[in-house]
Amino acid sequence: MDTMTIKEICNALQLNVLAGSKGLDKRVTGGYVSDLLSDVMGNAREGELWVTLQTHRNVMAIASLKDLAGVILVNGQQPDADMAEQANKEGIAVLGTDQSNFIITGKLFQLLNS
């Protein structure tokens, strides 16, 4: 699996930067898809890009704890004000798309494995 920066992934997948723009240079080693916070805490790995529809502050706490590269919000979701504030403070990029988990995850997988 090739690694790319979040900025490169943003450009390739036409994602919007919603918060945490200081984290755009982080390298992404893979992806993790889940809306269950305890699942992400138990199974996501450092450097992964988390795909979810969760938009609250606890997402950033877990992303920070697990040292994830960033978060992609799907289905047009927008981060809550607390989530955006925490993302900006910690430099963890929160990206957005109108696409579903299924579609954006497939595209991310192809991009990282090409």
N, C-alpha and C. Protein backbone atom coordinates (compact mmCIF):
# COMPACT_ATOMS: atom_id res chain seq x y z
N MET A 1 0.85 -1.18 0.00
CA MET A 1 0.00 0.00 0.00
C MET A 1 0.89 1.23 0.00
N ASP A 2 0.59 2.13 -0.91
CA ASP A 2 1.34 3.38 -1.03
C ASP A 2 0.82 4.36 0.01
N THR A 3 1.67 5.27 0.46
CA THR A 3 1.19 6.32 1.37
C THR A 3 1.09 7.62 0.59
N MET A 4 0.13 8.42 0.98
CA MET A 4 -0.10 9.73 0.37
C MET A 4 -0.39 10.71 1.49
N THR A 5 -0.25 11.98 1.20
CA THR A 5 -0.65 12.98 2.19
C THR A 5 -2.16 13.19 2.11
N ILE A 6 -2.70 13.73 3.17
CA ILE A 6 -4.13 14.03 3.18
C ILE A 6 -4.44 15.03 2.06
N LYS A 7 -3.58 15.99 1.84
CA LYS A 7 -3.80 16.98 0.78
C LYS A 7 -3.89 16.30 -0.58
N GLU A 8 -3.02 15.34 -0.84
CA GLU A 8 -3.05 14.61 -2.12
C GLU A 8 -4.35 13.82 -2.26
N ILE A 9 -4.78 13.21 -1.17
CA ILE A 9 -6.03 12.45 -1.19
C ILE A 9 -7.21 13.39 -1.40
N CYS A 10 -7.18 14.54 -0.74
CA CYS A 10 -8.23 15.56 -0.91
C CYS A 10 -8.38 15.94 -2.37
N ASN A 11 -7.27 16.22 -3.00
CA ASN A 11 -7.30 16.63 -4.41
C ASN A 11 -7.79 15.50 -5.31
N ALA A 12 -7.29 14.29 -5.09
CA ALA A 12 -7.65 13.16 -5.94
C ALA A 12 -9.12 12.77 -5.81
N LEU A 13 -9.66 12.87 -4.60
CA LEU A 13 -11.04 12.44 -4.36
C LEU A 13 -12.03 13.61 -4.27
N GLN A 14 -11.53 14.82 -4.52
CA GLN A 14 -12.35 16.03 -4.49
C GLN A 14 -13.10 16.17 -3.16
N LEU A 15 -12.34 16.07 -2.07
CA LEU A 15 -12.90 16.23 -0.73
C LEU A 15 -12.78 17.68 -0.30
N ASN A 16 -13.68 18.12 0.54
CA ASN A 16 -13.65 19.48 1.09
C ASN A 16 -12.97 19.45 2.45
N VAL A 17 -12.13 20.43 2.71
CA VAL A 17 -11.50 20.56 4.03
C VAL A 17 -12.48 21.33 4.90
N LEU A 18 -13.00 20.67 5.95
CA LEU A 18 -14.00 21.26 6.83
C LEU A 18 -13.39 21.83 8.11
N ALA A 19 -12.24 21.31 8.51
CA ALA A 19 -11.56 21.77 9.73
C ALA A 19 -10.18 21.11 9.77
N GLY A 20 -9.33 21.62 10.65
CA GLY A 20 -8.02 21.00 10.88
C GLY A 20 -7.07 21.09 9.70
N SER A 21 -7.08 22.21 8.98
CA SER A 21 -6.26 22.33 7.77
C SER A 21 -4.76 22.23 8.05
N LYS A 22 -4.34 22.41 9.30
CA LYS A 22 -2.92 22.25 9.63
C LYS A 22 -2.46 20.81 9.49
N GLY A 23 -3.40 19.86 9.42
CA GLY A 23 -3.05 18.45 9.31
C GLY A 23 -2.99 17.91 7.90
N LEU A 24 -3.04 18.77 6.90
CA LEU A 24 -3.10 18.29 5.51
C LEU A 24 -1.82 17.62 5.02
N ASP A 25 -0.72 17.83 5.70
CA ASP A 25 0.54 17.22 5.27
C ASP A 25 0.80 15.86 5.91
N LYS A 26 -0.11 15.42 6.77
CA LYS A 26 0.08 14.10 7.39
C LYS A 26 -0.03 13.01 6.33
N ARG A 27 0.75 11.95 6.54
CA ARG A 27 0.74 10.81 5.62
C ARG A 27 -0.32 9.81 6.06
N VAL A 28 -1.01 9.27 5.08
CA VAL A 28 -2.08 8.30 5.31
C VAL A 28 -1.55 6.92 4.95
N THR A 29 -1.69 5.99 5.89
CA THR A 29 -1.20 4.63 5.66
C THR A 29 -2.31 3.65 5.31
N GLY A 30 -3.56 4.07 5.44
CA GLY A 30 -4.69 3.20 5.15
C GLY A 30 -5.96 3.88 5.58
N GLY A 31 -7.02 3.12 5.65
CA GLY A 31 -8.31 3.67 6.04
C GLY A 31 -9.02 2.77 7.02
N TYR A 32 -9.96 3.36 7.74
CA TYR A 32 -10.81 2.59 8.65
C TYR A 32 -12.21 3.16 8.57
N VAL A 33 -13.20 2.30 8.43
CA VAL A 33 -14.58 2.73 8.27
C VAL A 33 -15.43 2.17 9.39
N SER A 34 -16.00 3.07 10.19
CA SER A 34 -16.90 2.65 11.26
C SER A 34 -17.57 3.88 11.85
N ASP A 35 -18.81 3.68 12.30
CA ASP A 35 -19.52 4.73 13.01
C ASP A 35 -19.62 4.41 14.50
N LEU A 36 -19.06 3.29 14.89
CA LEU A 36 -19.08 2.87 16.29
C LEU A 36 -17.75 3.26 16.94
N LEU A 37 -17.80 4.22 17.85
CA LEU A 37 -16.58 4.77 18.43
C LEU A 37 -15.72 3.71 19.11
N SER A 38 -16.35 2.80 19.83
CA SER A 38 -15.59 1.76 20.52
C SER A 38 -14.88 0.84 19.53
N ASP A 39 -15.48 0.63 18.37
CA ASP A 39 -14.85 -0.19 17.33
C ASP A 39 -13.58 0.50 16.81
N VAL A 40 -13.67 1.79 16.57
CA VAL A 40 -12.51 2.54 16.09
C VAL A 40 -11.42 2.55 17.16
N MET A 41 -11.82 2.75 18.41
CA MET A 41 -10.83 2.73 19.49
C MET A 41 -10.10 1.40 19.57
N GLY A 42 -10.82 0.33 19.34
CA GLY A 42 -10.22 -0.99 19.47
C GLY A 42 -9.46 -1.48 18.25
N ASN A 43 -9.79 -0.94 17.06
CA ASN A 43 -9.25 -1.55 15.84
C ASN A 43 -8.54 -0.64 14.85
N ALA A 44 -8.79 0.65 14.88
CA ALA A 44 -8.12 1.55 13.94
C ALA A 44 -6.64 1.64 14.30
N ARG A 45 -5.82 1.88 13.28
CA ARG A 45 -4.37 1.96 13.51
C ARG A 45 -3.83 3.34 13.16
N GLU A 46 -2.75 3.66 13.79
CA GLU A 46 -2.06 4.93 13.58
C GLU A 46 -1.88 5.21 12.09
N GLY A 47 -2.13 6.44 11.69
CA GLY A 47 -1.92 6.85 10.31
C GLY A 47 -3.10 6.61 9.38
N GLU A 48 -4.14 5.95 9.88
CA GLU A 48 -5.28 5.67 9.02
C GLU A 48 -6.21 6.88 8.92
N LEU A 49 -6.97 6.92 7.85
CA LEU A 49 -7.97 7.94 7.61
C LEU A 49 -9.32 7.32 7.95
N TRP A 50 -10.02 7.90 8.91
CA TRP A 50 -11.26 7.35 9.44
C TRP A 50 -12.44 7.90 8.65
N VAL A 51 -13.25 7.01 8.08
CA VAL A 51 -14.45 7.38 7.32
C VAL A 51 -15.66 7.14 8.22
N THR A 52 -16.47 8.18 8.44
CA THR A 52 -17.60 8.08 9.37
C THR A 52 -18.67 9.12 9.06
N LEU A 53 -19.83 8.97 9.69
CA LEU A 53 -20.86 10.01 9.63
C LEU A 53 -21.01 10.70 10.98
N GLN A 54 -20.21 10.30 11.96
CA GLN A 54 -20.24 10.92 13.30
C GLN A 54 -19.62 12.32 13.23
N THR A 55 -20.26 13.28 13.89
CA THR A 55 -19.83 14.67 13.75
C THR A 55 -19.58 15.39 15.07
N HIS A 56 -19.40 14.66 16.15
CA HIS A 56 -19.26 15.29 17.47
C HIS A 56 -17.81 15.25 17.97
N ARG A 57 -17.57 15.97 19.04
CA ARG A 57 -16.24 16.15 19.61
C ARG A 57 -15.52 14.83 19.95
N ASN A 58 -16.27 13.82 20.36
CA ASN A 58 -15.66 12.54 20.73
C ASN A 58 -14.90 11.90 19.56
N VAL A 59 -15.29 12.21 18.34
CA VAL A 59 -14.57 11.71 17.17
C VAL A 59 -13.13 12.21 17.22
N MET A 60 -12.95 13.47 17.56
CA MET A 60 -11.60 14.03 17.60
C MET A 60 -10.79 13.45 18.76
N ALA A 61 -11.45 13.16 19.87
CA ALA A 61 -10.75 12.55 21.00
C ALA A 61 -10.18 11.20 20.59
N ILE A 62 -10.97 10.42 19.88
CA ILE A 62 -10.52 9.09 19.45
C ILE A 62 -9.46 9.22 18.36
N ALA A 63 -9.67 10.13 17.41
CA ALA A 63 -8.68 10.33 16.35
C ALA A 63 -7.33 10.72 16.94
N SER A 64 -7.35 11.55 17.97
CA SER A 64 -6.11 11.97 18.62
C SER A 64 -5.48 10.82 19.40
N LEU A 65 -6.30 10.12 20.17
CA LEU A 65 -5.83 8.99 20.97
C LEU A 65 -5.17 7.91 20.11
N LYS A 66 -5.78 7.63 18.96
CA LYS A 66 -5.28 6.58 18.07
C LYS A 66 -4.25 7.10 17.07
N ASP A 67 -3.95 8.40 17.10
CA ASP A 67 -3.02 9.05 16.19
C ASP A 67 -3.41 8.79 14.72
N LEU A 68 -4.71 8.97 14.44
CA LEU A 68 -5.21 8.80 13.08
C LEU A 68 -4.80 10.00 12.24
N ALA A 69 -4.65 9.80 10.95
CA ALA A 69 -4.22 10.87 10.06
C ALA A 69 -5.30 11.94 9.90
N GLY A 70 -6.56 11.51 9.88
CA GLY A 70 -7.65 12.45 9.69
C GLY A 70 -8.98 11.73 9.65
N VAL A 71 -10.02 12.49 9.35
CA VAL A 71 -11.39 11.98 9.35
C VAL A 71 -12.08 12.45 8.07
N ILE A 72 -12.83 11.55 7.44
CA ILE A 72 -13.69 11.92 6.32
C ILE A 72 -15.14 11.78 6.78
N LEU A 73 -15.90 12.86 6.69
CA LEU A 73 -17.32 12.84 6.99
C LEU A 73 -18.08 12.62 5.68
N VAL A 74 -19.02 11.68 5.69
CA VAL A 74 -19.75 11.29 4.48
C VAL A 74 -21.17 11.85 4.47
N ASN A 75 -21.85 11.65 3.36
CA ASN A 75 -23.26 12.02 3.20
C ASN A 75 -23.53 13.50 3.47
N GLY A 76 -22.55 14.36 3.19
CA GLY A 76 -22.74 15.79 3.37
C GLY A 76 -22.74 16.26 4.81
N GLN A 77 -22.31 15.40 5.73
CA GLN A 77 -22.27 15.78 7.14
C GLN A 77 -21.27 16.91 7.37
N GLN A 78 -21.55 17.75 8.33
CA GLN A 78 -20.68 18.85 8.73
C GLN A 78 -20.28 18.64 10.20
N PRO A 79 -19.05 18.98 10.55
CA PRO A 79 -18.64 18.81 11.96
C PRO A 79 -19.39 19.77 12.88
N ASP A 80 -19.74 19.28 14.07
CA ASP A 80 -20.28 20.17 15.10
C ASP A 80 -19.21 21.22 15.40
N ALA A 81 -19.63 22.34 15.98
CA ALA A 81 -18.68 23.41 16.32
C ALA A 81 -17.57 22.90 17.23
N ASP A 82 -17.91 22.06 18.21
CA ASP A 82 -16.90 21.50 19.13
C ASP A 82 -15.91 20.62 18.39
N MET A 83 -16.41 19.83 17.45
CA MET A 83 -15.54 18.95 16.68
C MET A 83 -14.57 19.78 15.84
N ALA A 84 -15.08 20.79 15.16
CA ALA A 84 -14.25 21.65 14.31
C ALA A 84 -13.19 22.36 15.15
N GLU A 85 -13.60 22.87 16.31
CA GLU A 85 -12.66 23.56 17.19
C GLU A 85 -11.54 22.63 17.62
N GLN A 86 -11.88 21.41 18.01
CA GLN A 86 -10.88 20.44 18.45
C GLN A 86 -9.96 20.04 17.30
N ALA A 87 -10.53 19.86 16.11
CA ALA A 87 -9.74 19.51 14.92
C ALA A 87 -8.72 20.60 14.62
N ASN A 88 -9.15 21.85 14.70
CA ASN A 88 -8.24 22.96 14.45
C ASN A 88 -7.16 23.04 15.51
N LYS A 89 -7.53 22.81 16.76
CA LYS A 89 -6.57 22.87 17.86
C LYS A 89 -5.51 21.78 17.74
N GLU A 90 -5.93 20.57 17.35
CA GLU A 90 -5.00 19.43 17.29
C GLU A 90 -4.37 19.22 15.92
N GLY A 91 -4.81 19.96 14.92
CA GLY A 91 -4.25 19.78 13.58
C GLY A 91 -4.61 18.45 12.96
N ILE A 92 -5.81 17.99 13.21
CA ILE A 92 -6.31 16.75 12.61
C ILE A 92 -7.34 17.14 11.56
N ALA A 93 -7.04 16.85 10.30
CA ALA A 93 -7.90 17.26 9.20
C ALA A 93 -9.25 16.54 9.25
N VAL A 94 -10.31 17.33 9.07
CA VAL A 94 -11.66 16.78 8.90
C VAL A 94 -12.08 17.15 7.48
N LEU A 95 -12.32 16.12 6.69
CA LEU A 95 -12.67 16.30 5.29
C LEU A 95 -14.13 15.93 5.09
N GLY A 96 -14.73 16.43 4.02
CA GLY A 96 -16.13 16.15 3.79
C GLY A 96 -16.41 15.76 2.36
N THR A 97 -17.48 14.96 2.20
CA THR A 97 -17.96 14.55 0.89
C THR A 97 -19.46 14.32 0.96
N ASP A 98 -20.13 14.47 -0.16
CA ASP A 98 -21.56 14.15 -0.25
C ASP A 98 -21.76 12.67 -0.53
N GLN A 99 -20.68 11.98 -0.82
CA GLN A 99 -20.77 10.56 -1.17
C GLN A 99 -21.00 9.69 0.07
N SER A 100 -21.45 8.47 -0.17
CA SER A 100 -21.70 7.51 0.91
C SER A 100 -20.40 6.87 1.39
N ASN A 101 -20.47 6.22 2.56
CA ASN A 101 -19.33 5.44 3.07
C ASN A 101 -18.83 4.46 2.01
N PHE A 102 -19.74 3.76 1.40
CA PHE A 102 -19.40 2.72 0.43
C PHE A 102 -18.59 3.29 -0.73
N ILE A 103 -19.09 4.36 -1.32
CA ILE A 103 -18.44 4.94 -2.50
C ILE A 103 -17.08 5.53 -2.16
N ILE A 104 -16.99 6.37 -1.13
CA ILE A 104 -15.73 7.04 -0.83
C ILE A 104 -14.68 6.05 -0.33
N THR A 105 -15.12 5.02 0.39
CA THR A 105 -14.18 4.01 0.86
C THR A 105 -13.60 3.23 -0.32
N GLY A 106 -14.42 2.90 -1.28
CA GLY A 106 -13.93 2.20 -2.47
C GLY A 106 -12.91 3.04 -3.23
N LYS A 107 -13.20 4.32 -3.37
CA LYS A 107 -12.28 5.22 -4.06
C LYS A 107 -10.97 5.38 -3.29
N LEU A 108 -11.07 5.49 -1.96
CA LEU A 108 -9.87 5.62 -1.13
C LEU A 108 -9.02 4.35 -1.23
N PHE A 109 -9.66 3.22 -1.18
CA PHE A 109 -8.94 1.94 -1.31
C PHE A 109 -8.20 1.87 -2.65
N GLN A 110 -8.88 2.20 -3.73
CA GLN A 110 -8.26 2.17 -5.06
C GLN A 110 -7.07 3.13 -5.12
N LEU A 111 -7.27 4.32 -4.58
CA LEU A 111 -6.21 5.34 -4.63
C LEU A 111 -4.97 4.88 -3.87
N LEU A 112 -5.16 4.32 -2.69
CA LEU A 112 -4.02 3.90 -1.85
C LEU A 112 -3.38 2.60 -2.33
N ASN A 113 -4.08 1.87 -3.20
CA ASN A 113 -3.56 0.59 -3.67
C ASN A 113 -3.25 0.59 -5.15
N SER A 114 -3.10 1.78 -5.73
CA SER A 114 -2.81 1.83 -7.18
C SER A 114 -1.33 1.88 -7.45
